[in-house]
């Protein structure tokens, strides 16, 4: 994933009020932006499994995006999540 794509994603997340960034500090999810338990639990399992399989966070996100798009959902509709557009899944790399 290119640096420009990452920067654009951070900029969009910050503009949407989902994260806050400070110079010299890591970006943090803003309080009040908690995922429902029904989403957080399977997401945690996905993260653990992806790590066990040697996938990077970027690869995992790209795979989720590809699966979401394969369903035929409009990525710009509120029900589809909209927002940040990531690079295609072509050439997933394992760490």
N, C-alpha and C. Protein backbone atom coordinates (compact mmCIF):
# COMPACT_ATOMS: atom_id res chain seq x y z
N UNK A 1 0.85 -1.16 0.00
CA UNK A 1 0.00 0.00 0.00
C UNK A 1 0.90 1.23 0.00
N UNK A 2 0.55 2.19 -0.80
CA UNK A 2 1.41 3.38 -0.91
C UNK A 2 1.22 4.32 0.28
N UNK A 3 2.24 5.11 0.54
CA UNK A 3 2.17 6.09 1.62
C UNK A 3 1.03 7.07 1.40
N UNK A 4 0.81 7.46 0.14
CA UNK A 4 -0.28 8.39 -0.17
C UNK A 4 -1.64 7.82 0.18
N UNK A 5 -1.83 6.52 -0.06
CA UNK A 5 -3.10 5.87 0.26
C UNK A 5 -3.33 5.87 1.77
N UNK A 6 -2.27 5.56 2.52
CA UNK A 6 -2.38 5.55 3.97
C UNK A 6 -2.69 6.94 4.49
N UNK A 7 -1.99 7.93 3.98
CA UNK A 7 -2.22 9.31 4.43
C UNK A 7 -3.64 9.76 4.10
N UNK A 8 -4.14 9.39 2.91
CA UNK A 8 -5.50 9.76 2.54
C UNK A 8 -6.50 9.09 3.49
N UNK A 9 -6.24 7.82 3.83
CA UNK A 9 -7.13 7.11 4.74
C UNK A 9 -7.16 7.79 6.11
N UNK A 10 -5.99 8.13 6.65
CA UNK A 10 -5.94 8.82 7.93
C UNK A 10 -6.66 10.17 7.85
N UNK A 11 -6.46 10.90 6.77
CA UNK A 11 -7.10 12.20 6.61
C UNK A 11 -8.62 12.06 6.60
N UNK A 12 -9.12 11.05 5.86
CA UNK A 12 -10.57 10.84 5.79
C UNK A 12 -11.13 10.38 7.13
N UNK A 13 -10.43 9.49 7.81
CA UNK A 13 -10.89 9.03 9.12
C UNK A 13 -10.93 10.19 10.12
N UNK A 14 -9.93 11.06 10.06
CA UNK A 14 -9.91 12.21 10.96
C UNK A 14 -11.01 13.19 10.60
N UNK A 15 -11.22 13.43 9.31
CA UNK A 15 -12.28 14.35 8.87
C UNK A 15 -13.66 13.84 9.28
N UNK A 16 -13.83 12.51 9.30
CA UNK A 16 -15.10 11.92 9.71
C UNK A 16 -15.25 11.86 11.23
N UNK A 17 -14.22 12.30 11.95
CA UNK A 17 -14.28 12.32 13.41
C UNK A 17 -14.07 10.97 14.06
N UNK A 18 -13.52 10.00 13.32
CA UNK A 18 -13.35 8.66 13.87
C UNK A 18 -12.01 8.48 14.59
N UNK A 19 -11.00 9.25 14.17
CA UNK A 19 -9.70 9.17 14.84
C UNK A 19 -9.23 10.58 15.14
N UNK A 20 -8.26 10.65 16.03
CA UNK A 20 -7.59 11.93 16.28
C UNK A 20 -6.10 11.71 16.18
N UNK A 21 -5.42 12.66 15.58
CA UNK A 21 -3.98 12.57 15.43
C UNK A 21 -3.33 13.77 16.10
N UNK A 22 -2.13 13.54 16.62
CA UNK A 22 -1.34 14.60 17.23
C UNK A 22 0.09 14.43 16.75
N UNK A 23 0.75 15.54 16.50
CA UNK A 23 2.14 15.48 16.06
C UNK A 23 2.97 14.74 17.09
N UNK A 24 3.78 13.80 16.63
CA UNK A 24 4.66 13.05 17.53
C UNK A 24 3.97 11.96 18.32
N UNK A 25 2.70 11.69 18.00
CA UNK A 25 1.96 10.67 18.75
C UNK A 25 1.19 9.79 17.76
N UNK A 26 0.87 8.61 18.18
CA UNK A 26 0.10 7.70 17.32
C UNK A 26 -1.33 8.20 17.15
N UNK A 27 -1.94 7.84 16.03
CA UNK A 27 -3.35 8.15 15.84
C UNK A 27 -4.16 7.28 16.79
N UNK A 28 -5.23 7.83 17.31
CA UNK A 28 -6.07 7.09 18.26
C UNK A 28 -7.53 7.17 17.83
N UNK A 29 -8.24 6.07 18.06
CA UNK A 29 -9.68 6.07 17.80
C UNK A 29 -10.32 6.99 18.83
N UNK A 30 -11.19 7.85 18.35
CA UNK A 30 -11.86 8.79 19.25
C UNK A 30 -12.80 8.04 20.18
N UNK A 31 -12.89 8.51 21.41
CA UNK A 31 -13.82 7.89 22.34
C UNK A 31 -15.24 8.00 21.80
N UNK A 32 -16.05 7.03 22.10
CA UNK A 32 -17.41 7.02 21.59
C UNK A 32 -17.53 6.32 20.25
N UNK A 33 -16.41 5.84 19.69
CA UNK A 33 -16.43 5.18 18.39
C UNK A 33 -16.28 3.67 18.56
N UNK A 34 -16.86 3.13 19.58
CA UNK A 34 -16.72 1.70 19.87
C UNK A 34 -17.57 0.87 18.93
N UNK A 35 -17.02 -0.26 18.57
CA UNK A 35 -17.77 -1.22 17.76
C UNK A 35 -18.71 -2.01 18.66
N UNK A 36 -19.87 -2.38 18.16
CA UNK A 36 -20.74 -3.26 18.94
C UNK A 36 -20.02 -4.59 19.18
N UNK A 37 -20.30 -5.23 20.31
CA UNK A 37 -19.67 -6.51 20.63
C UNK A 37 -19.87 -7.54 19.53
N UNK A 38 -21.03 -7.50 18.88
CA UNK A 38 -21.32 -8.48 17.82
C UNK A 38 -20.39 -8.31 16.63
N UNK A 39 -19.76 -7.15 16.50
CA UNK A 39 -18.79 -6.91 15.42
C UNK A 39 -17.37 -7.07 15.96
N UNK A 40 -17.12 -6.57 17.17
CA UNK A 40 -15.77 -6.60 17.74
C UNK A 40 -15.26 -8.02 17.95
N UNK A 41 -16.10 -8.92 18.47
CA UNK A 41 -15.65 -10.29 18.74
C UNK A 41 -15.19 -11.00 17.46
N UNK A 42 -16.02 -11.06 16.39
CA UNK A 42 -15.52 -11.73 15.18
C UNK A 42 -14.34 -11.00 14.55
N UNK A 43 -14.29 -9.67 14.69
CA UNK A 43 -13.14 -8.93 14.15
C UNK A 43 -11.86 -9.32 14.88
N UNK A 44 -11.94 -9.51 16.18
CA UNK A 44 -10.77 -9.94 16.96
C UNK A 44 -10.31 -11.33 16.53
N UNK A 45 -11.26 -12.21 16.26
CA UNK A 45 -10.92 -13.55 15.79
C UNK A 45 -10.26 -13.47 14.42
N UNK A 46 -10.80 -12.63 13.54
CA UNK A 46 -10.21 -12.44 12.22
C UNK A 46 -8.77 -11.93 12.34
N UNK A 47 -8.53 -10.98 13.20
CA UNK A 47 -7.18 -10.43 13.38
C UNK A 47 -6.23 -11.52 13.84
N UNK A 48 -6.64 -12.29 14.85
CA UNK A 48 -5.78 -13.36 15.35
C UNK A 48 -5.49 -14.39 14.26
N UNK A 49 -6.50 -14.77 13.51
CA UNK A 49 -6.32 -15.76 12.44
C UNK A 49 -5.41 -15.21 11.34
N UNK A 50 -5.62 -13.96 10.95
CA UNK A 50 -4.79 -13.35 9.91
C UNK A 50 -3.33 -13.32 10.35
N UNK A 51 -3.08 -12.98 11.61
CA UNK A 51 -1.70 -12.96 12.12
C UNK A 51 -1.10 -14.36 12.09
N UNK A 52 -1.88 -15.36 12.51
CA UNK A 52 -1.39 -16.74 12.50
C UNK A 52 -1.03 -17.18 11.08
N UNK A 53 -1.77 -16.68 10.10
CA UNK A 53 -1.53 -17.04 8.70
C UNK A 53 -0.46 -16.17 8.04
N UNK A 54 0.08 -15.21 8.79
CA UNK A 54 1.16 -14.38 8.28
C UNK A 54 0.71 -13.19 7.44
N UNK A 55 -0.57 -12.83 7.52
CA UNK A 55 -1.05 -11.69 6.74
C UNK A 55 -0.79 -10.39 7.50
N UNK A 56 -0.48 -9.35 6.76
CA UNK A 56 -0.32 -8.03 7.36
C UNK A 56 -1.69 -7.40 7.57
N UNK A 57 -1.74 -6.32 8.33
CA UNK A 57 -3.00 -5.61 8.52
C UNK A 57 -3.51 -5.09 7.18
N UNK A 58 -2.63 -4.54 6.36
CA UNK A 58 -3.04 -4.01 5.05
C UNK A 58 -3.64 -5.12 4.18
N UNK A 59 -3.00 -6.29 4.18
CA UNK A 59 -3.53 -7.41 3.39
C UNK A 59 -4.91 -7.83 3.89
N UNK A 60 -5.07 -7.87 5.20
CA UNK A 60 -6.34 -8.27 5.79
C UNK A 60 -7.44 -7.28 5.44
N UNK A 61 -7.13 -6.01 5.53
CA UNK A 61 -8.11 -4.97 5.18
C UNK A 61 -8.48 -5.07 3.70
N UNK A 62 -7.50 -5.28 2.86
CA UNK A 62 -7.77 -5.40 1.43
C UNK A 62 -8.63 -6.61 1.14
N UNK A 63 -8.40 -7.71 1.85
CA UNK A 63 -9.20 -8.91 1.65
C UNK A 63 -10.66 -8.67 2.07
N UNK A 64 -10.86 -7.97 3.18
CA UNK A 64 -12.21 -7.64 3.63
C UNK A 64 -12.90 -6.77 2.58
N UNK A 65 -12.17 -5.79 2.07
CA UNK A 65 -12.76 -4.91 1.07
C UNK A 65 -13.16 -5.70 -0.18
N UNK A 66 -12.31 -6.60 -0.61
CA UNK A 66 -12.61 -7.40 -1.80
C UNK A 66 -13.85 -8.26 -1.57
N UNK A 67 -13.95 -8.87 -0.40
CA UNK A 67 -15.13 -9.69 -0.10
C UNK A 67 -16.40 -8.84 -0.04
N UNK A 68 -16.28 -7.65 0.56
CA UNK A 68 -17.42 -6.74 0.65
C UNK A 68 -17.89 -6.36 -0.75
N UNK A 69 -16.93 -6.01 -1.61
CA UNK A 69 -17.26 -5.59 -2.97
C UNK A 69 -17.80 -6.75 -3.80
N UNK A 70 -17.34 -7.97 -3.53
CA UNK A 70 -17.81 -9.14 -4.27
C UNK A 70 -19.29 -9.39 -4.03
N UNK A 71 -19.80 -8.89 -2.93
CA UNK A 71 -21.23 -9.03 -2.64
C UNK A 71 -22.06 -8.13 -3.53
N UNK A 72 -21.42 -7.19 -4.20
CA UNK A 72 -22.13 -6.28 -5.10
C UNK A 72 -22.69 -5.06 -4.41
N UNK A 73 -22.28 -4.81 -3.17
CA UNK A 73 -22.76 -3.63 -2.45
C UNK A 73 -22.16 -2.36 -3.04
N UNK A 74 -22.93 -1.29 -3.03
CA UNK A 74 -22.44 0.01 -3.45
C UNK A 74 -21.56 0.55 -2.32
N UNK A 75 -20.24 0.72 -2.55
CA UNK A 75 -19.35 1.15 -1.47
C UNK A 75 -19.64 2.55 -0.95
N UNK A 76 -20.41 3.33 -1.69
CA UNK A 76 -20.70 4.69 -1.26
C UNK A 76 -22.01 4.82 -0.49
N UNK A 77 -22.77 3.72 -0.39
CA UNK A 77 -24.03 3.80 0.35
C UNK A 77 -23.75 3.68 1.84
N UNK A 78 -24.54 4.34 2.69
CA UNK A 78 -24.31 4.25 4.14
C UNK A 78 -24.33 2.82 4.65
N UNK A 79 -25.16 1.97 4.09
CA UNK A 79 -25.23 0.59 4.57
C UNK A 79 -24.00 -0.21 4.17
N UNK A 80 -23.24 0.26 3.20
CA UNK A 80 -22.04 -0.45 2.75
C UNK A 80 -20.78 0.08 3.43
N UNK A 81 -20.89 1.09 4.24
CA UNK A 81 -19.73 1.60 4.96
C UNK A 81 -19.13 2.83 4.33
N UNK A 82 -19.12 2.94 3.00
CA UNK A 82 -18.58 4.12 2.31
C UNK A 82 -17.20 4.48 2.82
N UNK A 83 -16.81 5.73 2.68
CA UNK A 83 -15.58 6.23 3.26
C UNK A 83 -14.32 5.84 2.52
N UNK A 84 -13.34 5.39 3.25
CA UNK A 84 -12.00 5.15 2.74
C UNK A 84 -12.01 4.05 1.69
N UNK A 85 -11.39 4.33 0.56
CA UNK A 85 -11.24 3.32 -0.49
C UNK A 85 -9.80 2.84 -0.48
N UNK A 86 -9.61 1.54 -0.36
CA UNK A 86 -8.27 0.97 -0.31
C UNK A 86 -7.89 0.40 -1.66
N UNK A 87 -6.62 0.09 -1.80
CA UNK A 87 -6.13 -0.50 -3.05
C UNK A 87 -6.75 -1.88 -3.25
N UNK A 88 -6.83 -2.35 -4.50
CA UNK A 88 -7.37 -3.68 -4.75
C UNK A 88 -6.52 -4.77 -4.10
N UNK A 89 -7.06 -5.97 -4.03
CA UNK A 89 -6.42 -7.08 -3.35
C UNK A 89 -5.31 -7.73 -4.17
N UNK A 90 -5.14 -7.35 -5.41
CA UNK A 90 -4.12 -7.98 -6.27
C UNK A 90 -2.82 -8.17 -5.52
N UNK A 91 -2.29 -9.37 -5.60
CA UNK A 91 -0.96 -9.65 -5.06
C UNK A 91 -0.85 -9.56 -3.56
N UNK A 92 -1.77 -10.13 -2.82
CA UNK A 92 -1.63 -10.15 -1.36
C UNK A 92 -0.28 -10.73 -1.00
N UNK A 93 0.38 -10.10 -0.05
CA UNK A 93 1.69 -10.59 0.34
C UNK A 93 1.63 -11.11 1.77
N UNK A 94 2.33 -12.19 2.01
CA UNK A 94 2.44 -12.73 3.36
C UNK A 94 3.75 -12.23 3.95
N UNK A 95 3.71 -11.97 5.24
CA UNK A 95 4.92 -11.48 5.92
C UNK A 95 5.81 -12.63 6.30
